[in-house]
Amino acid sequence: MTIKSKALEVNLASYKVDVSIDAKYAILQDIMARYFGLLDRLNTFLKELSHPYRNWAFIVKENRIL
């Protein structure tokens, strides 16, 4: 992906965060471990939930699906 806007590039670089899923959600991951497709979606949801800059629209939408 090529970013043509220097301002956008700087903005994305300053807000890029390595996100790890909060340990308090490990029990959910253990329960869903047998269901690989659902586990993948759950992990995506939990990463967004654990992100410091949460995308609440995505979280609400995914929560309705799960």
N, C-alpha and C. Protein backbone atom coordinates (compact mmCIF):
# COMPACT_ATOMS: atom_id res chain seq x y z
N MET A 1 0.84 -1.18 0.00
CA MET A 1 0.00 0.00 0.00
C MET A 1 0.88 1.24 0.00
N THR A 2 0.64 2.12 -0.91
CA THR A 2 1.39 3.35 -1.01
C THR A 2 0.57 4.49 -0.45
N ILE A 3 1.16 5.20 0.49
CA ILE A 3 0.48 6.34 1.10
C ILE A 3 1.00 7.60 0.41
N LYS A 4 0.09 8.39 -0.18
CA LYS A 4 0.50 9.58 -0.92
C LYS A 4 0.50 10.82 -0.06
N SER A 5 -0.16 10.80 1.06
CA SER A 5 -0.23 11.96 1.94
C SER A 5 0.80 11.82 3.05
N LYS A 6 1.69 12.78 3.16
CA LYS A 6 2.71 12.75 4.21
C LYS A 6 2.04 12.90 5.59
N ALA A 7 1.02 13.74 5.67
CA ALA A 7 0.32 13.93 6.93
C ALA A 7 -0.35 12.64 7.40
N LEU A 8 -0.97 11.93 6.47
CA LEU A 8 -1.60 10.65 6.82
C LEU A 8 -0.55 9.65 7.25
N GLU A 9 0.57 9.62 6.55
CA GLU A 9 1.65 8.69 6.89
C GLU A 9 2.18 8.96 8.31
N VAL A 10 2.37 10.23 8.66
CA VAL A 10 2.84 10.60 10.00
C VAL A 10 1.80 10.24 11.04
N ASN A 11 0.52 10.50 10.73
CA ASN A 11 -0.56 10.20 11.65
C ASN A 11 -0.65 8.70 11.93
N LEU A 12 -0.59 7.89 10.87
CA LEU A 12 -0.66 6.44 11.03
C LEU A 12 0.54 5.91 11.83
N ALA A 13 1.71 6.46 11.57
CA ALA A 13 2.91 6.02 12.28
C ALA A 13 2.84 6.37 13.76
N SER A 14 2.26 7.50 14.09
CA SER A 14 2.21 7.91 15.50
C SER A 14 1.16 7.14 16.30
N TYR A 15 0.15 6.59 15.63
CA TYR A 15 -0.90 5.86 16.33
C TYR A 15 -0.79 4.35 16.19
N LYS A 16 0.23 3.88 15.48
CA LYS A 16 0.40 2.44 15.32
C LYS A 16 0.82 1.84 16.67
N VAL A 17 0.07 0.85 17.09
CA VAL A 17 0.29 0.23 18.40
C VAL A 17 0.29 -1.28 18.23
N ASP A 18 1.25 -1.94 18.87
CA ASP A 18 1.21 -3.40 18.91
C ASP A 18 0.20 -3.80 19.99
N VAL A 19 -0.79 -4.54 19.58
CA VAL A 19 -1.88 -4.88 20.48
C VAL A 19 -1.80 -6.35 20.85
N SER A 20 -1.88 -6.62 22.13
CA SER A 20 -1.99 -8.00 22.59
C SER A 20 -3.32 -8.12 23.34
N ILE A 21 -3.90 -9.28 23.25
CA ILE A 21 -5.19 -9.52 23.89
C ILE A 21 -4.99 -9.58 25.39
N ASP A 22 -5.83 -8.85 26.09
CA ASP A 22 -5.77 -8.80 27.55
C ASP A 22 -5.94 -10.20 28.13
N ALA A 23 -5.16 -10.53 29.13
CA ALA A 23 -5.17 -11.87 29.74
C ALA A 23 -6.52 -12.24 30.34
N LYS A 24 -7.33 -11.25 30.70
CA LYS A 24 -8.62 -11.57 31.30
C LYS A 24 -9.58 -12.26 30.32
N TYR A 25 -9.25 -12.23 29.01
CA TYR A 25 -10.08 -12.89 28.01
C TYR A 25 -9.61 -14.30 27.67
N ALA A 26 -8.58 -14.79 28.35
CA ALA A 26 -8.01 -16.11 28.05
C ALA A 26 -9.04 -17.23 28.22
N ILE A 27 -9.93 -17.11 29.17
CA ILE A 27 -10.94 -18.14 29.40
C ILE A 27 -11.86 -18.28 28.17
N LEU A 28 -12.19 -17.16 27.54
CA LEU A 28 -13.01 -17.22 26.32
C LEU A 28 -12.26 -17.92 25.20
N GLN A 29 -10.97 -17.63 25.09
CA GLN A 29 -10.16 -18.29 24.06
C GLN A 29 -10.05 -19.79 24.32
N ASP A 30 -9.92 -20.17 25.57
CA ASP A 30 -9.86 -21.60 25.92
C ASP A 30 -11.16 -22.31 25.55
N ILE A 31 -12.27 -21.68 25.85
CA ILE A 31 -13.58 -22.27 25.55
C ILE A 31 -13.76 -22.45 24.04
N MET A 32 -13.30 -21.48 23.25
CA MET A 32 -13.52 -21.50 21.81
C MET A 32 -12.39 -22.18 21.04
N ALA A 33 -11.41 -22.73 21.73
CA ALA A 33 -10.21 -23.30 21.08
C ALA A 33 -10.55 -24.39 20.06
N ARG A 34 -11.61 -25.15 20.27
CA ARG A 34 -11.97 -26.22 19.33
C ARG A 34 -12.60 -25.71 18.05
N TYR A 35 -13.10 -24.51 18.08
CA TYR A 35 -13.84 -23.94 16.95
C TYR A 35 -12.97 -22.91 16.24
N PHE A 36 -12.12 -23.38 15.32
CA PHE A 36 -11.08 -22.55 14.74
C PHE A 36 -11.60 -21.30 14.04
N GLY A 37 -12.66 -21.42 13.27
CA GLY A 37 -13.22 -20.27 12.58
C GLY A 37 -13.74 -19.23 13.56
N LEU A 38 -14.45 -19.69 14.55
CA LEU A 38 -14.98 -18.77 15.56
C LEU A 38 -13.87 -18.19 16.42
N LEU A 39 -12.85 -18.98 16.70
CA LEU A 39 -11.72 -18.49 17.50
C LEU A 39 -11.01 -17.36 16.78
N ASP A 40 -10.85 -17.49 15.47
CA ASP A 40 -10.20 -16.44 14.70
C ASP A 40 -11.00 -15.14 14.79
N ARG A 41 -12.31 -15.23 14.63
CA ARG A 41 -13.16 -14.03 14.75
C ARG A 41 -13.15 -13.48 16.17
N LEU A 42 -13.16 -14.38 17.15
CA LEU A 42 -13.11 -13.95 18.54
C LEU A 42 -11.80 -13.20 18.82
N ASN A 43 -10.69 -13.72 18.32
CA ASN A 43 -9.40 -13.06 18.54
C ASN A 43 -9.35 -11.68 17.90
N THR A 44 -9.93 -11.54 16.72
CA THR A 44 -10.01 -10.23 16.06
C THR A 44 -10.82 -9.27 16.93
N PHE A 45 -11.95 -9.76 17.42
CA PHE A 45 -12.81 -8.96 18.30
C PHE A 45 -12.07 -8.56 19.59
N LEU A 46 -11.38 -9.53 20.20
CA LEU A 46 -10.69 -9.26 21.46
C LEU A 46 -9.50 -8.32 21.27
N LYS A 47 -8.83 -8.40 20.13
CA LYS A 47 -7.73 -7.46 19.86
C LYS A 47 -8.27 -6.05 19.76
N GLU A 48 -9.39 -5.90 19.08
CA GLU A 48 -9.98 -4.56 18.96
C GLU A 48 -10.46 -4.08 20.32
N LEU A 49 -10.99 -4.96 21.12
CA LEU A 49 -11.46 -4.61 22.45
C LEU A 49 -10.30 -4.22 23.37
N SER A 50 -9.13 -4.80 23.14
CA SER A 50 -7.94 -4.53 23.95
C SER A 50 -7.12 -3.36 23.43
N HIS A 51 -7.47 -2.84 22.27
CA HIS A 51 -6.71 -1.75 21.64
C HIS A 51 -6.94 -0.44 22.40
N PRO A 52 -5.89 0.36 22.61
CA PRO A 52 -6.08 1.62 23.32
C PRO A 52 -6.95 2.62 22.56
N TYR A 53 -6.98 2.54 21.23
CA TYR A 53 -7.83 3.41 20.41
C TYR A 53 -8.95 2.56 19.83
N ARG A 54 -9.89 2.18 20.66
CA ARG A 54 -10.95 1.26 20.26
C ARG A 54 -11.84 1.84 19.17
N ASN A 55 -12.21 0.97 18.25
CA ASN A 55 -13.17 1.31 17.20
C ASN A 55 -14.52 0.76 17.67
N TRP A 56 -15.28 1.58 18.36
CA TRP A 56 -16.51 1.10 18.99
C TRP A 56 -17.55 0.63 17.97
N ALA A 57 -17.57 1.24 16.81
CA ALA A 57 -18.53 0.80 15.77
C ALA A 57 -18.22 -0.64 15.37
N PHE A 58 -16.95 -0.97 15.19
CA PHE A 58 -16.54 -2.33 14.85
C PHE A 58 -16.85 -3.29 16.00
N ILE A 59 -16.56 -2.88 17.22
CA ILE A 59 -16.78 -3.73 18.39
C ILE A 59 -18.26 -4.07 18.53
N VAL A 60 -19.11 -3.09 18.41
CA VAL A 60 -20.56 -3.33 18.54
C VAL A 60 -21.04 -4.24 17.42
N LYS A 61 -20.61 -3.96 16.19
CA LYS A 61 -21.02 -4.77 15.05
C LYS A 61 -20.55 -6.23 15.22
N GLU A 62 -19.32 -6.45 15.59
CA GLU A 62 -18.80 -7.80 15.78
C GLU A 62 -19.47 -8.50 16.96
N ASN A 63 -19.78 -7.77 17.99
CA ASN A 63 -20.44 -8.36 19.15
C ASN A 63 -21.82 -8.90 18.78
N ARG A 64 -22.48 -8.24 17.88
CA ARG A 64 -23.80 -8.71 17.43
C ARG A 64 -23.68 -9.98 16.63
N ILE A 65 -22.58 -10.14 15.89
CA ILE A 65 -22.37 -11.33 15.07
C ILE A 65 -21.96 -12.51 15.92
N LEU A 66 -21.06 -12.28 16.89
CA LEU A 66 -20.58 -13.36 17.73
C LEU A 66 -21.71 -13.81 18.62
